Amino acid sequence: MSRSISTKAAPAAIGPYSQAVQAGQVVYLSGQIALDPQSGQLVPGGFDAQVHGAIQNMKAVVEASGGTLSQCVRLTLYLTDLANFPAANQIMQEYFQPPYPARSTVGVASLPRGAAFEIEATVVLE
C-alpha cells in the first residue's frame, strides 16, 4: 500500500503529481526546485540560492514523511548549466555527510519556472 505525502512547508505540486509517495519504508520524492512555498515564486539570488532553496524544500517533504536527510539513499540533480557542478557539490556537503547517498547529475536544457537546479530523492525510513 502507498500513501501520498504533502506539506505546506514546501511548494505545492504544479501538476498532477504528489510531493512524495511512500511505499512501505521507501519514500519517493518528486523533484523540487527553489520555489518559495508561500509565494510560489523562484527564490532570488542566483544558482547557489536555488540549490539551497531546492534542498530546503526537499528537506521539508522528507521531514513530512517522518524521515531526515541522512536517510536519503539516492539523489538526482538536474542542472541547466553543468559549469555549476562544482558549486552544487560544495553546497551538497553542507547538507549530506558520509556515507553520501548514491547520486546522478544530469545536464538539462531547461527546468520548470526557469529554474537552474532541481533535486529529487529516494528515502528509506528506518
PDB file of N, CA and C in Angstrom:
ATOM      1  N   MET A   1       0.841  -1.170   0.000  1.00  0.00           N
ATOM      2  CA  MET A   1       0.000   0.000   0.000  1.00  0.00           C
ATOM      3  C   MET A   1       0.894   1.243   0.000  1.00  0.00           C
ATOM      4  N   SER A   2       0.471   2.281  -0.686  1.00  0.00           N
ATOM      5  CA  SER A   2       1.238   3.518  -0.717  1.00  0.00           C
ATOM      6  C   SER A   2       0.372   4.672  -0.226  1.00  0.00           C
ATOM      7  N   ARG A   3       1.053   5.748   0.188  1.00  0.00           N
ATOM      8  CA  ARG A   3       0.327   6.935   0.620  1.00  0.00           C
ATOM      9  C   ARG A   3       1.033   8.167   0.084  1.00  0.00           C
ATOM     10  N   SER A   4       0.239   9.149  -0.243  1.00  0.00           N
ATOM     11  CA  SER A   4       0.768  10.409  -0.737  1.00  0.00           C
ATOM     12  C   SER A   4       1.202  11.267   0.442  1.00  0.00           C
ATOM     13  N   ILE A   5       2.306  11.985   0.278  1.00  0.00           N
ATOM     14  CA  ILE A   5       2.826  12.864   1.319  1.00  0.00           C
ATOM     15  C   ILE A   5       2.769  14.287   0.805  1.00  0.00           C
ATOM     16  N   SER A   6       2.291  15.184   1.653  1.00  0.00           N
ATOM     17  CA  SER A   6       2.169  16.585   1.266  1.00  0.00           C
ATOM     18  C   SER A   6       2.427  17.467   2.479  1.00  0.00           C
ATOM     19  N   THR A   7       3.099  18.595   2.254  1.00  0.00           N
ATOM     20  CA  THR A   7       3.342  19.559   3.322  1.00  0.00           C
ATOM     21  C   THR A   7       3.268  20.969   2.756  1.00  0.00           C
ATOM     22  N   LYS A   8       2.732  21.878   3.536  1.00  0.00           N
ATOM     23  CA  LYS A   8       2.686  23.285   3.139  1.00  0.00           C
ATOM     24  C   LYS A   8       4.049  23.956   3.310  1.00  0.00           C
ATOM     25  N   ALA A   9       5.004  23.252   3.942  1.00  0.00           N
ATOM     26  CA  ALA A   9       6.357  23.790   4.127  1.00  0.00           C
ATOM     27  C   ALA A   9       7.190  23.718   2.849  1.00  0.00           C
ATOM     28  N   ALA A  10       6.631  23.077   1.823  1.00  0.00           N
ATOM     29  CA  ALA A  10       7.269  23.005   0.505  1.00  0.00           C
ATOM     30  C   ALA A  10       6.232  23.467  -0.516  1.00  0.00           C
ATOM     31  N   PRO A  11       6.690  23.889  -1.689  1.00  0.00           N
ATOM     32  CA  PRO A  11       5.735  24.359  -2.695  1.00  0.00           C
ATOM     33  C   PRO A  11       4.746  23.268  -3.095  1.00  0.00           C
ATOM     34  N   ALA A  12       3.521  23.688  -3.362  1.00  0.00           N
ATOM     35  CA  ALA A  12       2.507  22.751  -3.842  1.00  0.00           C
ATOM     36  C   ALA A  12       2.918  22.240  -5.218  1.00  0.00           C
ATOM     37  N   ALA A  13       2.498  21.047  -5.526  1.00  0.00           N
ATOM     38  CA  ALA A  13       2.769  20.476  -6.837  1.00  0.00           C
ATOM     39  C   ALA A  13       2.172  21.370  -7.925  1.00  0.00           C
ATOM     40  N   ILE A  14       2.898  21.555  -9.018  1.00  0.00           N
ATOM     41  CA  ILE A  14       2.418  22.398 -10.110  1.00  0.00           C
ATOM     42  C   ILE A  14       1.942  21.543 -11.284  1.00  0.00           C
ATOM     43  N   GLY A  15       1.401  20.390 -10.943  1.00  0.00           N
ATOM     44  CA  GLY A  15       0.883  19.460 -11.933  1.00  0.00           C
ATOM     45  C   GLY A  15       0.198  18.307 -11.228  1.00  0.00           C
ATOM     46  N   PRO A  16      -0.238  17.310 -11.979  1.00  0.00           N
ATOM     47  CA  PRO A  16      -0.933  16.164 -11.387  1.00  0.00           C
ATOM     48  C   PRO A  16       0.044  15.133 -10.819  1.00  0.00           C
ATOM     49  N   TYR A  17       0.681  15.479  -9.708  1.00  0.00           N
ATOM     50  CA  TYR A  17       1.610  14.572  -9.042  1.00  0.00           C
ATOM     51  C   TYR A  17       1.662  14.912  -7.558  1.00  0.00           C
ATOM     52  N   SER A  18       2.220  14.020  -6.769  1.00  0.00           N
ATOM     53  CA  SER A  18       2.374  14.207  -5.327  1.00  0.00           C
ATOM     54  C   SER A  18       3.764  14.747  -5.025  1.00  0.00           C
ATOM     55  N   GLN A  19       3.898  15.460  -3.911  1.00  0.00           N
ATOM     56  CA  GLN A  19       5.228  15.879  -3.479  1.00  0.00           C
ATOM     57  C   GLN A  19       6.080  14.643  -3.211  1.00  0.00           C
ATOM     58  N   ALA A  20       5.469  13.604  -2.682  1.00  0.00           N
ATOM     59  CA  ALA A  20       6.156  12.337  -2.436  1.00  0.00           C
ATOM     60  C   ALA A  20       5.114  11.242  -2.267  1.00  0.00           C
ATOM     61  N   VAL A  21       5.570  10.005  -2.462  1.00  0.00           N
ATOM     62  CA  VAL A  21       4.730   8.837  -2.243  1.00  0.00           C
ATOM     63  C   VAL A  21       5.535   7.847  -1.421  1.00  0.00           C
ATOM     64  N   GLN A  22       4.907   7.345  -0.366  1.00  0.00           N
ATOM     65  CA  GLN A  22       5.549   6.335   0.476  1.00  0.00           C
ATOM     66  C   GLN A  22       4.982   4.973   0.138  1.00  0.00           C
ATOM     67  N   ALA A  23       5.874   4.017  -0.096  1.00  0.00           N
ATOM     68  CA  ALA A  23       5.506   2.623  -0.337  1.00  0.00           C
ATOM     69  C   ALA A  23       6.303   1.788   0.652  1.00  0.00           C
ATOM     70  N   GLY A  24       5.652   1.314   1.689  1.00  0.00           N
ATOM     71  CA  GLY A  24       6.365   0.609   2.753  1.00  0.00           C
ATOM     72  C   GLY A  24       7.307   1.577   3.455  1.00  0.00           C
ATOM     73  N   GLN A  25       8.569   1.202   3.552  1.00  0.00           N
ATOM     74  CA  GLN A  25       9.571   2.052   4.210  1.00  0.00           C
ATOM     75  C   GLN A  25      10.306   2.968   3.232  1.00  0.00           C
ATOM     76  N   VAL A  26       9.914   2.941   1.962  1.00  0.00           N
ATOM     77  CA  VAL A  26      10.593   3.739   0.943  1.00  0.00           C
ATOM     78  C   VAL A  26       9.715   4.929   0.555  1.00  0.00           C
ATOM     79  N   VAL A  27      10.331   6.110   0.503  1.00  0.00           N
ATOM     80  CA  VAL A  27       9.644   7.333   0.096  1.00  0.00           C
ATOM     81  C   VAL A  27      10.303   7.839  -1.176  1.00  0.00           C
ATOM     82  N   TYR A  28       9.486   8.041  -2.206  1.00  0.00           N
ATOM     83  CA  TYR A  28       9.942   8.549  -3.495  1.00  0.00           C
ATOM     84  C   TYR A  28       9.504  10.000  -3.607  1.00  0.00           C
ATOM     85  N   LEU A  29      10.473  10.914  -3.649  1.00  0.00           N
ATOM     86  CA  LEU A  29      10.161  12.329  -3.728  1.00  0.00           C
ATOM     87  C   LEU A  29      10.169  12.810  -5.165  1.00  0.00           C
ATOM     88  N   SER A  30       9.190  13.639  -5.495  1.00  0.00           N
ATOM     89  CA  SER A  30       9.198  14.332  -6.780  1.00  0.00           C
ATOM     90  C   SER A  30      10.288  15.383  -6.740  1.00  0.00           C
ATOM     91  N   GLY A  31      10.689  15.846  -7.914  1.00  0.00           N
ATOM     92  CA  GLY A  31      11.710  16.879  -7.984  1.00  0.00           C
ATOM     93  C   GLY A  31      11.272  18.163  -7.307  1.00  0.00           C
ATOM     94  N   GLN A  32      12.225  18.832  -6.678  1.00  0.00           N
ATOM     95  CA  GLN A  32      11.973  20.121  -6.036  1.00  0.00           C
ATOM     96  C   GLN A  32      12.882  21.168  -6.659  1.00  0.00           C
ATOM     97  N   ILE A  33      12.291  22.299  -6.984  1.00  0.00           N
ATOM     98  CA  ILE A  33      13.062  23.466  -7.385  1.00  0.00           C
ATOM     99  C   ILE A  33      12.931  24.488  -6.268  1.00  0.00           C
ATOM    100  N   ALA A  34      13.605  25.602  -6.401  1.00  0.00           N
ATOM    101  CA  ALA A  34      13.661  26.590  -5.322  1.00  0.00           C
ATOM    102  C   ALA A  34      12.506  27.574  -5.375  1.00  0.00           C
ATOM    103  N   LEU A  35      11.281  27.046  -5.359  1.00  0.00           N
ATOM    104  CA  LEU A  35      10.126  27.921  -5.257  1.00  0.00           C
ATOM    105  C   LEU A  35       9.880  28.244  -3.802  1.00  0.00           C
ATOM    106  N   ASP A  36       9.594  29.503  -3.513  1.00  0.00           N
ATOM    107  CA  ASP A  36       9.192  29.892  -2.167  1.00  0.00           C
ATOM    108  C   ASP A  36       7.825  29.258  -1.903  1.00  0.00           C
ATOM    109  N   PRO A  37       7.664  28.504  -0.811  1.00  0.00           N
ATOM    110  CA  PRO A  37       6.400  27.809  -0.564  1.00  0.00           C
ATOM    111  C   PRO A  37       5.199  28.750  -0.425  1.00  0.00           C
ATOM    112  N   GLN A  38       5.415  29.975   0.061  1.00  0.00           N
ATOM    113  CA  GLN A  38       4.301  30.896   0.247  1.00  0.00           C
ATOM    114  C   GLN A  38       3.940  31.638  -1.041  1.00  0.00           C
ATOM    115  N   SER A  39       4.927  32.167  -1.728  1.00  0.00           N
ATOM    116  CA  SER A  39       4.642  32.990  -2.906  1.00  0.00           C
ATOM    117  C   SER A  39       4.557  32.177  -4.193  1.00  0.00           C
ATOM    118  N   GLY A  40       5.191  31.006  -4.224  1.00  0.00           N
ATOM    119  CA  GLY A  40       5.235  30.210  -5.436  1.00  0.00           C
ATOM    120  C   GLY A  40       6.211  30.746  -6.467  1.00  0.00           C
ATOM    121  N   GLN A  41       7.020  31.720  -6.076  1.00  0.00           N
ATOM    122  CA  GLN A  41       7.987  32.324  -6.987  1.00  0.00           C
ATOM    123  C   GLN A  41       9.378  31.729  -6.752  1.00  0.00           C
ATOM    124  N   LEU A  42      10.174  31.715  -7.803  1.00  0.00           N
ATOM    125  CA  LEU A  42      11.548  31.243  -7.697  1.00  0.00           C
ATOM    126  C   LEU A  42      12.320  32.173  -6.769  1.00  0.00           C
ATOM    127  N   VAL A  43      13.105  31.608  -5.854  1.00  0.00           N
ATOM    128  CA  VAL A  43      13.866  32.428  -4.912  1.00  0.00           C
ATOM    129  C   VAL A  43      14.899  33.259  -5.668  1.00  0.00           C
ATOM    130  N   PRO A  44      15.120  34.494  -5.236  1.00  0.00           N
ATOM    131  CA  PRO A  44      16.144  35.319  -5.876  1.00  0.00           C
ATOM    132  C   PRO A  44      17.533  34.928  -5.384  1.00  0.00           C
ATOM    133  N   GLY A  45      18.564  35.354  -6.103  1.00  0.00           N
ATOM    134  CA  GLY A  45      19.914  35.182  -5.598  1.00  0.00           C
ATOM    135  C   GLY A  45      20.811  34.283  -6.405  1.00  0.00           C
ATOM    136  N   GLY A  46      20.366  33.809  -7.547  1.00  0.00           N
ATOM    137  CA  GLY A  46      21.249  33.037  -8.407  1.00  0.00           C
ATOM    138  C   GLY A  46      21.299  31.554  -8.079  1.00  0.00           C
ATOM    139  N   PHE A  47      22.274  30.882  -8.691  1.00  0.00           N
ATOM    140  CA  PHE A  47      22.370  29.429  -8.620  1.00  0.00           C
ATOM    141  C   PHE A  47      22.504  28.909  -7.190  1.00  0.00           C
ATOM    142  N   ASP A  48      23.421  29.462  -6.411  1.00  0.00           N
ATOM    143  CA  ASP A  48      23.627  28.967  -5.045  1.00  0.00           C
ATOM    144  C   ASP A  48      22.347  29.058  -4.224  1.00  0.00           C
ATOM    145  N   ALA A  49      21.639  30.165  -4.336  1.00  0.00           N
ATOM    146  CA  ALA A  49      20.378  30.333  -3.600  1.00  0.00           C
ATOM    147  C   ALA A  49      19.350  29.305  -4.058  1.00  0.00           C
ATOM    148  N   GLN A  50      19.362  28.982  -5.353  1.00  0.00           N
ATOM    149  CA  GLN A  50      18.421  27.973  -5.847  1.00  0.00           C
ATOM    150  C   GLN A  50      18.750  26.585  -5.305  1.00  0.00           C
ATOM    151  N   VAL A  51      20.022  26.254  -5.206  1.00  0.00           N
ATOM    152  CA  VAL A  51      20.392  24.949  -4.653  1.00  0.00           C
ATOM    153  C   VAL A  51      19.928  24.861  -3.197  1.00  0.00           C
ATOM    154  N   HIS A  52      20.240  25.883  -2.404  1.00  0.00           N
ATOM    155  CA  HIS A  52      19.806  25.879  -1.004  1.00  0.00           C
ATOM    156  C   HIS A  52      18.285  25.801  -0.907  1.00  0.00           C
ATOM    157  N   GLY A  53      17.582  26.589  -1.714  1.00  0.00           N
ATOM    158  CA  GLY A  53      16.119  26.600  -1.666  1.00  0.00           C
ATOM    159  C   GLY A  53      15.517  25.261  -2.048  1.00  0.00           C
ATOM    160  N   ALA A  54      16.043  24.640  -3.090  1.00  0.00           N
ATOM    161  CA  ALA A  54      15.526  23.340  -3.519  1.00  0.00           C
ATOM    162  C   ALA A  54      15.772  22.277  -2.448  1.00  0.00           C
ATOM    163  N   ILE A  55      16.947  22.301  -1.843  1.00  0.00           N
ATOM    164  CA  ILE A  55      17.245  21.312  -0.793  1.00  0.00           C
ATOM    165  C   ILE A  55      16.363  21.562   0.428  1.00  0.00           C
ATOM    166  N   GLN A  56      16.118  22.812   0.774  1.00  0.00           N
ATOM    167  CA  GLN A  56      15.229  23.107   1.902  1.00  0.00           C
ATOM    168  C   GLN A  56      13.814  22.600   1.619  1.00  0.00           C
ATOM    169  N   ASN A  57      13.341  22.780   0.388  1.00  0.00           N
ATOM    170  CA  ASN A  57      12.021  22.254   0.029  1.00  0.00           C
ATOM    171  C   ASN A  57      12.005  20.736   0.109  1.00  0.00           C
ATOM    172  N   MET A  58      13.061  20.100  -0.406  1.00  0.00           N
ATOM    173  CA  MET A  58      13.156  18.651  -0.332  1.00  0.00           C
ATOM    174  C   MET A  58      13.169  18.189   1.125  1.00  0.00           C
ATOM    175  N   LYS A  59      13.940  18.885   1.944  1.00  0.00           N
ATOM    176  CA  LYS A  59      14.032  18.539   3.367  1.00  0.00           C
ATOM    177  C   LYS A  59      12.657  18.609   4.033  1.00  0.00           C
ATOM    178  N   ALA A  60      11.857  19.603   3.693  1.00  0.00           N
ATOM    179  CA  ALA A  60      10.521  19.730   4.271  1.00  0.00           C
ATOM    180  C   ALA A  60       9.648  18.529   3.913  1.00  0.00           C
ATOM    181  N   VAL A  61       9.750  18.051   2.680  1.00  0.00           N
ATOM    182  CA  VAL A  61       8.964  16.889   2.265  1.00  0.00           C
ATOM    183  C   VAL A  61       9.488  15.631   2.943  1.00  0.00           C
ATOM    184  N   VAL A  62      10.809  15.489   3.031  1.00  0.00           N
ATOM    185  CA  VAL A  62      11.402  14.337   3.726  1.00  0.00           C
ATOM    186  C   VAL A  62      10.910  14.308   5.177  1.00  0.00           C
ATOM    187  N   GLU A  63      10.944  15.452   5.837  1.00  0.00           N
ATOM    188  CA  GLU A  63      10.501  15.513   7.238  1.00  0.00           C
ATOM    189  C   GLU A  63       9.005  15.238   7.368  1.00  0.00           C
ATOM    190  N   ALA A  64       8.200  15.664   6.396  1.00  0.00           N
ATOM    191  CA  ALA A  64       6.765  15.369   6.417  1.00  0.00           C
ATOM    192  C   ALA A  64       6.506  13.870   6.307  1.00  0.00           C
ATOM    193  N   SER A  65       7.456  13.145   5.723  1.00  0.00           N
ATOM    194  CA  SER A  65       7.326  11.692   5.605  1.00  0.00           C
ATOM    195  C   SER A  65       7.786  10.978   6.875  1.00  0.00           C
ATOM    196  N   GLY A  66       8.363  11.737   7.810  1.00  0.00           N
ATOM    197  CA  GLY A  66       8.890  11.129   9.027  1.00  0.00           C
ATOM    198  C   GLY A  66      10.365  10.818   8.943  1.00  0.00           C
ATOM    199  N   GLY A  67      11.040  11.291   7.896  1.00  0.00           N
ATOM    200  CA  GLY A  67      12.449  10.996   7.708  1.00  0.00           C
ATOM    201  C   GLY A  67      13.359  12.192   7.907  1.00  0.00           C
ATOM    202  N   THR A  68      14.634  11.962   7.648  1.00  0.00           N
ATOM    203  CA  THR A  68      15.654  13.003   7.723  1.00  0.00           C
ATOM    204  C   THR A  68      16.511  12.913   6.463  1.00  0.00           C
ATOM    205  N   LEU A  69      17.263  13.972   6.184  1.00  0.00           N
ATOM    206  CA  LEU A  69      18.149  13.941   5.013  1.00  0.00           C
ATOM    207  C   LEU A  69      19.157  12.806   5.105  1.00  0.00           C
ATOM    208  N   SER A  70      19.536  12.402   6.302  1.00  0.00           N
ATOM    209  CA  SER A  70      20.510  11.313   6.439  1.00  0.00           C
ATOM    210  C   SER A  70      19.945   9.977   5.967  1.00  0.00           C
ATOM    211  N   GLN A  71      18.636   9.900   5.762  1.00  0.00           N
ATOM    212  CA  GLN A  71      18.008   8.675   5.278  1.00  0.00           C
ATOM    213  C   GLN A  71      17.825   8.670   3.758  1.00  0.00           C
ATOM    214  N   CYS A  72      18.295   9.713   3.097  1.00  0.00           N
ATOM    215  CA  CYS A  72      18.276   9.735   1.623  1.00  0.00           C
ATOM    216  C   CYS A  72      19.292   8.721   1.121  1.00  0.00           C
ATOM    217  N   VAL A  73      18.851   7.814   0.273  1.00  0.00           N
ATOM    218  CA  VAL A  73      19.760   6.804  -0.272  1.00  0.00           C
ATOM    219  C   VAL A  73      20.104   7.072  -1.728  1.00  0.00           C
ATOM    220  N   ARG A  74      19.302   7.906  -2.400  1.00  0.00           N
ATOM    221  CA  ARG A  74      19.532   8.187  -3.817  1.00  0.00           C
ATOM    222  C   ARG A  74      19.050   9.588  -4.124  1.00  0.00           C
ATOM    223  N   LEU A  75      19.879  10.344  -4.852  1.00  0.00           N
ATOM    224  CA  LEU A  75      19.546  11.697  -5.295  1.00  0.00           C
ATOM    225  C   LEU A  75      19.761  11.793  -6.798  1.00  0.00           C
ATOM    226  N   THR A  76      18.962  12.615  -7.427  1.00  0.00           N
ATOM    227  CA  THR A  76      19.220  13.008  -8.812  1.00  0.00           C
ATOM    228  C   THR A  76      19.204  14.523  -8.852  1.00  0.00           C
ATOM    229  N   LEU A  77      20.281  15.099  -9.398  1.00  0.00           N
ATOM    230  CA  LEU A  77      20.387  16.541  -9.563  1.00  0.00           C
ATOM    231  C   LEU A  77      20.219  16.857 -11.038  1.00  0.00           C
ATOM    232  N   TYR A  78      19.481  17.922 -11.318  1.00  0.00           N
ATOM    233  CA  TYR A  78      19.306  18.406 -12.682  1.00  0.00           C
ATOM    234  C   TYR A  78      19.838  19.834 -12.735  1.00  0.00           C
ATOM    235  N   LEU A  79      20.780  20.084 -13.639  1.00  0.00           N
ATOM    236  CA  LEU A  79      21.381  21.406 -13.787  1.00  0.00           C
ATOM    237  C   LEU A  79      21.223  21.868 -15.231  1.00  0.00           C
ATOM    238  N   THR A  80      20.852  23.131 -15.408  1.00  0.00           N
ATOM    239  CA  THR A  80      20.753  23.667 -16.761  1.00  0.00           C
ATOM    240  C   THR A  80      22.115  24.089 -17.289  1.00  0.00           C
ATOM    241  N   ASP A  81      23.114  24.164 -16.410  1.00  0.00           N
ATOM    242  CA  ASP A  81      24.478  24.501 -16.820  1.00  0.00           C
ATOM    243  C   ASP A  81      25.445  23.662 -15.993  1.00  0.00           C
ATOM    244  N   LEU A  82      26.064  22.673 -16.619  1.00  0.00           N
ATOM    245  CA  LEU A  82      26.970  21.792 -15.877  1.00  0.00           C
ATOM    246  C   LEU A  82      28.224  22.501 -15.383  1.00  0.00           C
ATOM    247  N   ALA A  83      28.463  23.727 -15.817  1.00  0.00           N
ATOM    248  CA  ALA A  83      29.559  24.515 -15.250  1.00  0.00           C
ATOM    249  C   ALA A  83      29.300  24.811 -13.771  1.00  0.00           C
ATOM    250  N   ASN A  84      28.044  24.685 -13.330  1.00  0.00           N
ATOM    251  CA  ASN A  84      27.692  24.897 -11.924  1.00  0.00           C
ATOM    252  C   ASN A  84      27.869  23.641 -11.071  1.00  0.00           C
ATOM    253  N   PHE A  85      28.341  22.559 -11.674  1.00  0.00           N
ATOM    254  CA  PHE A  85      28.515  21.298 -10.951  1.00  0.00           C
ATOM    255  C   PHE A  85      29.394  21.450  -9.704  1.00  0.00           C
ATOM    256  N   PRO A  86      30.556  22.129  -9.772  1.00  0.00           N
ATOM    257  CA  PRO A  86      31.371  22.283  -8.560  1.00  0.00           C
ATOM    258  C   PRO A  86      30.636  23.038  -7.443  1.00  0.00           C
ATOM    259  N   ALA A  87      29.890  24.060  -7.800  1.00  0.00           N
ATOM    260  CA  ALA A  87      29.136  24.811  -6.783  1.00  0.00           C
ATOM    261  C   ALA A  87      28.068  23.923  -6.144  1.00  0.00           C
ATOM    262  N   ALA A  88      27.393  23.121  -6.952  1.00  0.00           N
ATOM    263  CA  ALA A  88      26.385  22.207  -6.411  1.00  0.00           C
ATOM    264  C   ALA A  88      27.032  21.212  -5.452  1.00  0.00           C
ATOM    265  N   ASN A  89      28.178  20.661  -5.820  1.00  0.00           N
ATOM    266  CA  ASN A  89      28.879  19.725  -4.938  1.00  0.00           C
ATOM    267  C   ASN A  89      29.242  20.377  -3.609  1.00  0.00           C
ATOM    268  N   GLN A  90      29.737  21.599  -3.664  1.00  0.00           N
ATOM    269  CA  GLN A  90      30.126  22.321  -2.450  1.00  0.00           C
ATOM    270  C   GLN A  90      28.930  22.481  -1.514  1.00  0.00           C
ATOM    271  N   ILE A  91      27.804  22.892  -2.068  1.00  0.00           N
ATOM    272  CA  ILE A  91      26.604  23.107  -1.244  1.00  0.00           C
ATOM    273  C   ILE A  91      26.069  21.780  -0.720  1.00  0.00           C
ATOM    274  N   MET A  92      26.116  20.740  -1.531  1.00  0.00           N
ATOM    275  CA  MET A  92      25.621  19.429  -1.084  1.00  0.00           C
ATOM    276  C   MET A  92      26.336  18.963   0.179  1.00  0.00           C
ATOM    277  N   GLN A  93      27.621  19.293   0.315  1.00  0.00           N
ATOM    278  CA  GLN A  93      28.382  18.880   1.502  1.00  0.00           C
ATOM    279  C   GLN A  93      27.902  19.572   2.767  1.00  0.00           C
ATOM    280  N   GLU A  94      27.156  20.654   2.629  1.00  0.00           N
ATOM    281  CA  GLU A  94      26.579  21.314   3.810  1.00  0.00           C
ATOM    282  C   GLU A  94      25.379  20.535   4.353  1.00  0.00           C
ATOM    283  N   TYR A  95      24.762  19.716   3.508  1.00  0.00           N
ATOM    284  CA  TYR A  95      23.537  19.004   3.892  1.00  0.00           C
ATOM    285  C   TYR A  95      23.719  17.504   4.070  1.00  0.00           C
ATOM    286  N   PHE A  96      24.747  16.935   3.450  1.00  0.00           N
ATOM    287  CA  PHE A  96      24.934  15.484   3.474  1.00  0.00           C
ATOM    288  C   PHE A  96      26.354  15.152   3.917  1.00  0.00           C
ATOM    289  N   GLN A  97      26.461  14.140   4.779  1.00  0.00           N
ATOM    290  CA  GLN A  97      27.747  13.672   5.270  1.00  0.00           C
ATOM    291  C   GLN A  97      27.921  12.212   4.865  1.00  0.00           C
ATOM    292  N   PRO A  98      29.174  11.727   4.895  1.00  0.00           N
ATOM    293  CA  PRO A  98      29.407  10.313   4.569  1.00  0.00           C
ATOM    294  C   PRO A  98      28.649   9.399   5.533  1.00  0.00           C
ATOM    295  N   PRO A  99      28.180   8.283   5.089  1.00  0.00           N
ATOM    296  CA  PRO A  99      28.214   7.828   3.707  1.00  0.00           C
ATOM    297  C   PRO A  99      27.181   8.598   2.877  1.00  0.00           C
ATOM    298  N   TYR A 100      27.642   9.200   1.795  1.00  0.00           N
ATOM    299  CA  TYR A 100      26.776  10.016   0.949  1.00  0.00           C
ATOM    300  C   TYR A 100      25.760   9.142   0.215  1.00  0.00           C
ATOM    301  N   PRO A 101      24.602   9.722  -0.116  1.00  0.00           N
ATOM    302  CA  PRO A 101      23.650   8.963  -0.941  1.00  0.00           C
ATOM    303  C   PRO A 101      24.242   8.693  -2.323  1.00  0.00           C
ATOM    304  N   ALA A 102      23.773   7.651  -2.977  1.00  0.00           N
ATOM    305  CA  ALA A 102      24.104   7.453  -4.387  1.00  0.00           C
ATOM    306  C   ALA A 102      23.512   8.644  -5.140  1.00  0.00           C
ATOM    307  N   ARG A 103      24.137   9.027  -6.265  1.00  0.00           N
ATOM    308  CA  ARG A 103      23.673  10.246  -6.927  1.00  0.00           C
ATOM    309  C   ARG A 103      23.997  10.233  -8.407  1.00  0.00           C
ATOM    310  N   SER A 104      23.096  10.815  -9.172  1.00  0.00           N
ATOM    311  CA  SER A 104      23.334  11.109 -10.581  1.00  0.00           C
ATOM    312  C   SER A 104      23.147  12.607 -10.767  1.00  0.00           C
ATOM    313  N   THR A 105      23.901  13.175 -11.694  1.00  0.00           N
ATOM    314  CA  THR A 105      23.738  14.576 -12.055  1.00  0.00           C
ATOM    315  C   THR A 105      23.508  14.618 -13.557  1.00  0.00           C
ATOM    316  N   VAL A 106      22.457  15.315 -13.943  1.00  0.00           N
ATOM    317  CA  VAL A 106      22.050  15.341 -15.338  1.00  0.00           C
ATOM    318  C   VAL A 106      22.005  16.788 -15.821  1.00  0.00           C
ATOM    319  N   GLY A 107      22.627  17.048 -16.954  1.00  0.00           N
ATOM    320  CA  GLY A 107      22.517  18.350 -17.593  1.00  0.00           C
ATOM    321  C   GLY A 107      21.259  18.382 -18.445  1.00  0.00           C
ATOM    322  N   VAL A 108      20.446  19.409 -18.260  1.00  0.00           N
ATOM    323  CA  VAL A 108      19.179  19.517 -18.986  1.00  0.00           C
ATOM    324  C   VAL A 108      19.090  20.879 -19.684  1.00  0.00           C
ATOM    325  N   ALA A 109      18.255  20.957 -20.715  1.00  0.00           N
ATOM    326  CA  ALA A 109      18.096  22.200 -21.464  1.00  0.00           C
ATOM    327  C   ALA A 109      17.306  23.235 -20.678  1.00  0.00           C
ATOM    328  N   SER A 110      16.305  22.787 -19.915  1.00  0.00           N
ATOM    329  CA  SER A 110      15.501  23.728 -19.139  1.00  0.00           C
ATOM    330  C   SER A 110      14.782  22.983 -18.025  1.00  0.00           C
ATOM    331  N   LEU A 111      14.311  23.766 -17.054  1.00  0.00           N
ATOM    332  CA  LEU A 111      13.556  23.241 -15.916  1.00  0.00           C
ATOM    333  C   LEU A 111      12.314  24.111 -15.719  1.00  0.00           C
ATOM    334  N   PRO A 112      11.314  23.609 -14.990  1.00  0.00           N
ATOM    335  CA  PRO A 112      10.109  24.401 -14.753  1.00  0.00           C
ATOM    336  C   PRO A 112      10.419  25.760 -14.120  1.00  0.00           C
ATOM    337  N   ARG A 113       9.630  26.737 -14.495  1.00  0.00           N
ATOM    338  CA  ARG A 113       9.698  28.093 -13.946  1.00  0.00           C
ATOM    339  C   ARG A 113      11.041  28.778 -14.162  1.00  0.00           C
ATOM    340  N   GLY A 114      11.842  28.279 -15.099  1.00  0.00           N
ATOM    341  CA  GLY A 114      13.134  28.897 -15.379  1.00  0.00           C
ATOM    342  C   GLY A 114      14.199  28.591 -14.346  1.00  0.00           C
ATOM    343  N   ALA A 115      13.973  27.559 -13.528  1.00  0.00           N
ATOM    344  CA  ALA A 115      14.948  27.179 -12.504  1.00  0.00           C
ATOM    345  C   ALA A 115      16.244  26.705 -13.153  1.00  0.00           C
ATOM    346  N   ALA A 116      17.339  26.834 -12.420  1.00  0.00           N
ATOM    347  CA  ALA A 116      18.650  26.364 -12.871  1.00  0.00           C
ATOM    348  C   ALA A 116      19.039  25.043 -12.212  1.00  0.00           C
ATOM    349  N   PHE A 117      18.258  24.610 -11.192  1.00  0.00           N
ATOM    350  CA  PHE A 117      18.606  23.431 -10.395  1.00  0.00           C
ATOM    351  C   PHE A 117      17.335  22.758  -9.924  1.00  0.00           C
ATOM    352  N   GLU A 118      17.325  21.427  -9.967  1.00  0.00           N
ATOM    353  CA  GLU A 118      16.241  20.625  -9.407  1.00  0.00           C
ATOM    354  C   GLU A 118      16.858  19.402  -8.746  1.00  0.00           C
ATOM    355  N   ILE A 119      16.202  18.917  -7.686  1.00  0.00           N
ATOM    356  CA  ILE A 119      16.702  17.748  -6.973  1.00  0.00           C
ATOM    357  C   ILE A 119      15.531  16.826  -6.646  1.00  0.00           C
ATOM    358  N   GLU A 120      15.774  15.524  -6.789  1.00  0.00           N
ATOM    359  CA  GLU A 120      14.786  14.530  -6.364  1.00  0.00           C
ATOM    360  C   GLU A 120      15.509  13.488  -5.515  1.00  0.00           C
ATOM    361  N   ALA A 121      14.741  12.740  -4.729  1.00  0.00           N
ATOM    362  CA  ALA A 121      15.369  11.821  -3.785  1.00  0.00           C
ATOM    363  C   ALA A 121      14.534  10.572  -3.575  1.00  0.00           C
ATOM    364  N   THR A 122      15.215   9.536  -3.114  1.00  0.00           N
ATOM    365  CA  THR A 122      14.590   8.337  -2.579  1.00  0.00           C
ATOM    366  C   THR A 122      15.086   8.206  -1.142  1.00  0.00           C
ATOM    367  N   VAL A 123      14.147   7.980  -0.231  1.00  0.00           N
ATOM    368  CA  VAL A 123      14.447   7.918   1.198  1.00  0.00           C
ATOM    369  C   VAL A 123      13.999   6.550   1.730  1.00  0.00           C
ATOM    370  N   VAL A 124      14.833   5.950   2.567  1.00  0.00           N
ATOM    371  CA  VAL A 124      14.429   4.711   3.243  1.00  0.00           C
ATOM    372  C   VAL A 124      14.279   5.032   4.727  1.00  0.00           C
ATOM    373  N   LEU A 125      13.046   4.906   5.219  1.00  0.00           N
ATOM    374  CA  LEU A 125      12.765   5.167   6.629  1.00  0.00           C
ATOM    375  C   LEU A 125      13.203   3.966   7.448  1.00  0.00           C
ATOM    376  N   GLU A 126      13.763   4.243   8.611  1.00  0.00           N
ATOM    377  CA  GLU A 126      14.235   3.145   9.465  1.00  0.00           C
ATOM    378  C   GLU A 126      13.374   3.006  10.676  1.00  0.00           C
TER     379      GLU A 126
END
